[in-house]
PDB file of N, CA and C in Angstrom:
ATOM      1  N   MET A   1     145.495 -90.529 -47.060  1.00  0.00           N
ATOM      2  CA  MET A   1     146.715 -90.476 -47.850  1.00  0.00           C
ATOM      3  C   MET A   1     146.410 -90.075 -49.284  1.00  0.00           C
ATOM      4  N   GLY A   2     145.302 -90.580 -49.803  1.00  0.00           N
ATOM      5  CA  GLY A   2     144.922 -90.268 -51.175  1.00  0.00           C
ATOM      6  C   GLY A   2     144.608 -88.799 -51.350  1.00  0.00           C
ATOM      7  N   ARG A   3     144.016 -88.192 -50.333  1.00  0.00           N
ATOM      8  CA  ARG A   3     143.685 -86.764 -50.392  1.00  0.00           C
ATOM      9  C   ARG A   3     144.952 -85.917 -50.453  1.00  0.00           C
ATOM     10  N   THR A   4     145.987 -86.317 -49.697  1.00  0.00           N
ATOM     11  CA  THR A   4     147.259 -85.586 -49.704  1.00  0.00           C
ATOM     12  C   THR A   4     147.924 -85.676 -51.071  1.00  0.00           C
ATOM     13  N   LEU A   5     147.889 -86.845 -51.676  1.00  0.00           N
ATOM     14  CA  LEU A   5     148.480 -87.004 -53.009  1.00  0.00           C
ATOM     15  C   LEU A   5     147.717 -86.180 -54.038  1.00  0.00           C
ATOM     16  N   THR A   6     146.407 -86.096 -53.897  1.00  0.00           N
ATOM     17  CA  THR A   6     145.614 -85.296 -54.820  1.00  0.00           C
ATOM     18  C   THR A   6     145.965 -83.814 -54.683  1.00  0.00           C
ATOM     19  N   ARG A   7     146.141 -83.342 -53.445  1.00  0.00           N
ATOM     20  CA  ARG A   7     146.534 -81.943 -53.232  1.00  0.00           C
ATOM     21  C   ARG A   7     147.915 -81.668 -53.817  1.00  0.00           C
ATOM     22  N   CYS A   8     148.863 -82.585 -53.619  1.00  0.00           N
ATOM     23  CA  CYS A   8     150.221 -82.393 -54.148  1.00  0.00           C
ATOM     24  C   CYS A   8     150.211 -82.403 -55.673  1.00  0.00           C
ATOM     25  N   ALA A   9     149.380 -83.232 -56.273  1.00  0.00           N
ATOM     26  CA  ALA A   9     149.271 -83.257 -57.732  1.00  0.00           C
ATOM     27  C   ALA A   9     148.665 -81.952 -58.226  1.00  0.00           C
ATOM     28  N   GLY A  10     147.760 -81.375 -57.454  1.00  0.00           N
ATOM     29  CA  GLY A  10     147.168 -80.091 -57.822  1.00  0.00           C
ATOM     30  C   GLY A  10     148.188 -78.969 -57.798  1.00  0.00           C
ATOM     31  N   PHE A  11     149.152 -79.030 -56.898  1.00  0.00           N
ATOM     32  CA  PHE A  11     150.203 -78.010 -56.841  1.00  0.00           C
ATOM     33  C   PHE A  11     151.056 -78.019 -58.102  1.00  0.00           C
ATOM     34  N   SER A  12     151.279 -79.179 -58.671  1.00  0.00           N
ATOM     35  CA  SER A  12     152.115 -79.241 -59.867  1.00  0.00           C
ATOM     36  C   SER A  12     151.415 -78.639 -61.080  1.00  0.00           C
ATOM     37  N   ARG A  13     150.079 -78.674 -61.098  1.00  0.00           N
ATOM     38  CA  ARG A  13     149.340 -78.081 -62.215  1.00  0.00           C
ATOM     39  C   ARG A  13     149.074 -76.595 -62.013  1.00  0.00           C
ATOM     40  N   ASP A  14     149.074 -76.135 -60.780  1.00  0.00           N
ATOM     41  CA  ASP A  14     148.768 -74.742 -60.481  1.00  0.00           C
ATOM     42  C   ASP A  14     150.034 -73.908 -60.666  1.00  0.00           C
ATOM     43  N   GLN A  15     149.978 -72.912 -61.564  1.00  0.00           N
ATOM     44  CA  GLN A  15     151.146 -72.095 -61.847  1.00  0.00           C
ATOM     45  C   GLN A  15     150.964 -70.658 -61.387  1.00  0.00           C
ATOM     46  N   ALA A  16     149.997 -70.413 -60.519  1.00  0.00           N
ATOM     47  CA  ALA A  16     149.710 -69.044 -60.081  1.00  0.00           C
ATOM     48  C   ALA A  16     150.863 -68.453 -59.282  1.00  0.00           C
ATOM     49  N   GLY A  17     151.484 -69.220 -58.440  1.00  0.00           N
ATOM     50  CA  GLY A  17     152.566 -68.699 -57.610  1.00  0.00           C
ATOM     51  C   GLY A  17     153.943 -69.113 -58.065  1.00  0.00           C
ATOM     52  N   GLN A  18     154.052 -69.565 -59.302  1.00  0.00           N
ATOM     53  CA  GLN A  18     155.329 -70.081 -59.782  1.00  0.00           C
ATOM     54  C   GLN A  18     156.398 -68.994 -59.815  1.00  0.00           C
ATOM     55  N   THR A  19     156.057 -67.794 -60.231  1.00  0.00           N
ATOM     56  CA  THR A  19     157.040 -66.716 -60.302  1.00  0.00           C
ATOM     57  C   THR A  19     157.551 -66.359 -58.914  1.00  0.00           C
ATOM     58  N   ALA A  20     156.662 -66.311 -57.948  1.00  0.00           N
ATOM     59  CA  ALA A  20     157.077 -65.990 -56.585  1.00  0.00           C
ATOM     60  C   ALA A  20     157.997 -67.070 -56.024  1.00  0.00           C
ATOM     61  N   ILE A  21     157.679 -68.308 -56.319  1.00  0.00           N
ATOM     62  CA  ILE A  21     158.521 -69.408 -55.831  1.00  0.00           C
ATOM     63  C   ILE A  21     159.882 -69.376 -56.518  1.00  0.00           C
ATOM     64  N   GLU A  22     159.888 -69.078 -57.821  1.00  0.00           N
ATOM     65  CA  GLU A  22     161.173 -69.007 -58.527  1.00  0.00           C
ATOM     66  C   GLU A  22     162.048 -67.887 -57.964  1.00  0.00           C
ATOM     67  N   TRP A  23     161.456 -66.722 -57.716  1.00  0.00           N
ATOM     68  CA  TRP A  23     162.231 -65.624 -57.138  1.00  0.00           C
ATOM     69  C   TRP A  23     162.722 -65.975 -55.748  1.00  0.00           C
ATOM     70  N   THR A  24     161.902 -66.656 -54.979  1.00  0.00           N
ATOM     71  CA  THR A  24     162.318 -67.071 -53.642  1.00  0.00           C
ATOM     72  C   THR A  24     163.501 -68.022 -53.713  1.00  0.00           C
ATOM     73  N   LEU A  25     163.461 -68.953 -54.643  1.00  0.00           N
ATOM     74  CA  LEU A  25     164.572 -69.899 -54.789  1.00  0.00           C
ATOM     75  C   LEU A  25     165.837 -69.207 -55.289  1.00  0.00           C
ATOM     76  N   VAL A  26     165.685 -68.256 -56.212  1.00  0.00           N
ATOM     77  CA  VAL A  26     166.856 -67.522 -56.709  1.00  0.00           C
ATOM     78  C   VAL A  26     167.478 -66.697 -55.583  1.00  0.00           C
ATOM     79  N   LEU A  27     166.645 -65.996 -54.829  1.00  0.00           N
ATOM     80  CA  LEU A  27     167.164 -65.202 -53.713  1.00  0.00           C
ATOM     81  C   LEU A  27     167.807 -66.088 -52.655  1.00  0.00           C
ATOM     82  N   ALA A  28     167.227 -67.251 -52.409  1.00  0.00           N
ATOM     83  CA  ALA A  28     167.821 -68.165 -51.433  1.00  0.00           C
ATOM     84  C   ALA A  28     169.146 -68.723 -51.945  1.00  0.00           C
ATOM     85  N   ALA A  29     169.213 -68.996 -53.243  1.00  0.00           N
ATOM     86  CA  ALA A  29     170.446 -69.565 -53.810  1.00  0.00           C
ATOM     87  C   ALA A  29     171.599 -68.567 -53.752  1.00  0.00           C
ATOM     88  N   PHE A  30     171.300 -67.277 -53.897  1.00  0.00           N
ATOM     89  CA  PHE A  30     172.356 -66.270 -53.843  1.00  0.00           C
ATOM     90  C   PHE A  30     172.448 -65.598 -52.483  1.00  0.00           C
ATOM     91  N   GLY A  31     171.337 -65.416 -51.829  1.00  0.00           N
ATOM     92  CA  GLY A  31     171.323 -64.684 -50.563  1.00  0.00           C
ATOM     93  C   GLY A  31     171.942 -65.437 -49.412  1.00  0.00           C
ATOM     94  N   LEU A  32     171.613 -66.700 -49.281  1.00  0.00           N
ATOM     95  CA  LEU A  32     172.148 -67.470 -48.153  1.00  0.00           C
ATOM     96  C   LEU A  32     173.665 -67.634 -48.217  1.00  0.00           C
ATOM     97  N   PRO A  33     174.256 -67.970 -49.365  1.00  0.00           N
ATOM     98  CA  PRO A  33     175.720 -68.019 -49.399  1.00  0.00           C
ATOM     99  C   PRO A  33     176.371 -66.655 -49.164  1.00  0.00           C
ATOM    100  N   MET A  34     175.706 -65.577 -49.603  1.00  0.00           N
ATOM    101  CA  MET A  34     176.289 -64.252 -49.419  1.00  0.00           C
ATOM    102  C   MET A  34     176.356 -63.858 -47.953  1.00  0.00           C
ATOM    103  N   ILE A  35     175.477 -64.390 -47.134  1.00  0.00           N
ATOM    104  CA  ILE A  35     175.560 -64.126 -45.691  1.00  0.00           C
ATOM    105  C   ILE A  35     176.894 -64.631 -45.165  1.00  0.00           C
ATOM    106  N   TYR A  36     177.273 -65.833 -45.578  1.00  0.00           N
ATOM    107  CA  TYR A  36     178.542 -66.401 -45.108  1.00  0.00           C
ATOM    108  C   TYR A  36     179.740 -65.680 -45.728  1.00  0.00           C
ATOM    109  N   VAL A  37     179.604 -65.271 -46.983  1.00  0.00           N
ATOM    110  CA  VAL A  37     180.695 -64.529 -47.630  1.00  0.00           C
ATOM    111  C   VAL A  37     180.902 -63.193 -46.923  1.00  0.00           C
ATOM    112  N   PHE A  38     179.810 -62.472 -46.631  1.00  0.00           N
ATOM    113  CA  PHE A  38     179.924 -61.189 -45.938  1.00  0.00           C
ATOM    114  C   PHE A  38     180.494 -61.372 -44.535  1.00  0.00           C
ATOM    115  N   ALA A  39     180.098 -62.442 -43.854  1.00  0.00           N
ATOM    116  CA  ALA A  39     180.650 -62.697 -42.520  1.00  0.00           C
ATOM    117  C   ALA A  39     182.152 -62.960 -42.600  1.00  0.00           C
ATOM    118  N   MET A  40     182.586 -63.713 -43.617  1.00  0.00           N
ATOM    119  CA  MET A  40     184.007 -63.997 -43.780  1.00  0.00           C
ATOM    120  C   MET A  40     184.774 -62.709 -44.115  1.00  0.00           C
ATOM    121  N   LEU A  41     184.226 -61.899 -45.020  1.00  0.00           N
ATOM    122  CA  LEU A  41     184.897 -60.649 -45.371  1.00  0.00           C
ATOM    123  C   LEU A  41     184.948 -59.683 -44.201  1.00  0.00           C
ATOM    124  N   LEU A  42     183.910 -59.670 -43.386  1.00  0.00           N
ATOM    125  CA  LEU A  42     183.914 -58.813 -42.214  1.00  0.00           C
ATOM    126  C   LEU A  42     184.971 -59.254 -41.209  1.00  0.00           C
ATOM    127  N   SER A  43     185.144 -60.547 -41.043  1.00  0.00           N
ATOM    128  CA  SER A  43     186.184 -61.020 -40.117  1.00  0.00           C
ATOM    129  C   SER A  43     187.578 -60.712 -40.664  1.00  0.00           C
ATOM    130  N   ILE A  44     187.763 -60.806 -41.976  1.00  0.00           N
ATOM    131  CA  ILE A  44     189.054 -60.452 -42.578  1.00  0.00           C
ATOM    132  C   ILE A  44     189.327 -58.962 -42.402  1.00  0.00           C
ATOM    133  N   LEU A  45     188.310 -58.142 -42.621  1.00  0.00           N
ATOM    134  CA  LEU A  45     188.459 -56.700 -42.450  1.00  0.00           C
ATOM    135  C   LEU A  45     188.756 -56.345 -40.996  1.00  0.00           C
ATOM    136  N   ALA A  46     188.112 -57.027 -40.057  1.00  0.00           N
ATOM    137  CA  ALA A  46     188.369 -56.771 -38.640  1.00  0.00           C
ATOM    138  C   ALA A  46     189.795 -57.163 -38.267  1.00  0.00           C
ATOM    139  N   ALA A  47     190.278 -58.291 -38.799  1.00  0.00           N
ATOM    140  CA  ALA A  47     191.649 -58.709 -38.522  1.00  0.00           C
ATOM    141  C   ALA A  47     192.647 -57.714 -39.105  1.00  0.00           C
ATOM    142  N   HIS A  48     192.362 -57.202 -40.296  1.00  0.00           N
ATOM    143  CA  HIS A  48     193.248 -56.207 -40.902  1.00  0.00           C
ATOM    144  C   HIS A  48     193.248 -54.919 -40.081  1.00  0.00           C
ATOM    145  N   TYR A  49     192.091 -54.494 -39.645  1.00  0.00           N
ATOM    146  CA  TYR A  49     192.004 -53.281 -38.829  1.00  0.00           C
ATOM    147  C   TYR A  49     192.756 -53.455 -37.505  1.00  0.00           C
ATOM    148  N   ARG A  50     192.641 -54.658 -36.902  1.00  0.00           N
ATOM    149  CA  ARG A  50     193.398 -54.930 -35.662  1.00  0.00           C
ATOM    150  C   ARG A  50     194.886 -54.822 -35.904  1.00  0.00           C
ATOM    151  N   MET A  51     195.360 -55.355 -37.046  1.00  0.00           N
ATOM    152  CA  MET A  51     196.781 -55.302 -37.356  1.00  0.00           C
ATOM    153  C   MET A  51     197.241 -53.858 -37.570  1.00  0.00           C
ATOM    154  N   VAL A  52     196.457 -53.079 -38.316  1.00  0.00           N
ATOM    155  CA  VAL A  52     196.820 -51.685 -38.571  1.00  0.00           C
ATOM    156  C   VAL A  52     196.804 -50.892 -37.277  1.00  0.00           C
ATOM    157  N   ALA A  53     195.794 -51.096 -36.442  1.00  0.00           N
ATOM    158  CA  ALA A  53     195.717 -50.373 -35.168  1.00  0.00           C
ATOM    159  C   ALA A  53     196.899 -50.740 -34.271  1.00  0.00           C
ATOM    160  N   PHE A  54     197.294 -52.006 -34.301  1.00  0.00           N
ATOM    161  CA  PHE A  54     198.439 -52.428 -33.494  1.00  0.00           C
ATOM    162  C   PHE A  54     199.720 -51.773 -34.000  1.00  0.00           C
ATOM    163  N   LEU A  55     199.916 -51.780 -35.326  1.00  0.00           N
ATOM    164  CA  LEU A  55     201.136 -51.195 -35.873  1.00  0.00           C
ATOM    165  C   LEU A  55     201.179 -49.680 -35.673  1.00  0.00           C
ATOM    166  N   GLU A  56     200.046 -49.018 -35.708  1.00  0.00           N
ATOM    167  CA  GLU A  56     200.003 -47.581 -35.491  1.00  0.00           C
ATOM    168  C   GLU A  56     200.237 -47.209 -34.022  1.00  0.00           C
ATOM    169  N   SER A  57     199.967 -48.138 -33.126  1.00  0.00           N
ATOM    170  CA  SER A  57     200.146 -47.830 -31.711  1.00  0.00           C
ATOM    171  C   SER A  57     201.559 -48.140 -31.216  1.00  0.00           C
ATOM    172  N   LEU A  58     202.416 -48.721 -32.070  1.00  0.00           N
ATOM    173  CA  LEU A  58     203.787 -48.978 -31.661  1.00  0.00           C
ATOM    174  C   LEU A  58     204.552 -47.667 -31.550  1.00  0.00           C
ATOM    175  N   PRO A  59     205.422 -47.565 -30.551  1.00  0.00           N
ATOM    176  CA  PRO A  59     206.221 -46.332 -30.419  1.00  0.00           C
ATOM    177  C   PRO A  59     207.275 -46.268 -31.522  1.00  0.00           C
ATOM    178  N   PHE A  60     207.669 -45.058 -31.847  1.00  0.00           N
ATOM    179  CA  PHE A  60     208.712 -44.903 -32.862  1.00  0.00           C
ATOM    180  C   PHE A  60     210.037 -45.397 -32.294  1.00  0.00           C
ATOM    181  N   PRO A  61     210.853 -46.050 -33.115  1.00  0.00           N
ATOM    182  CA  PRO A  61     212.157 -46.535 -32.625  1.00  0.00           C
ATOM    183  C   PRO A  61     213.169 -45.412 -32.461  1.00  0.00           C
TER     184      PRO A  61
END
């Protein structure tokens, strides 16, 4: 257990990969929510296209 704590304490002092970790966290903070936003917008666009296709296929009165 002591060896694990020593390794974890070493990670806090080591700043070699800090920039990569920060970029990973920034991309995760914006990228993961955008997946759901794009999925929602795609479903809205598909519903709109279905409505337009339905209205265009109606016969003229």
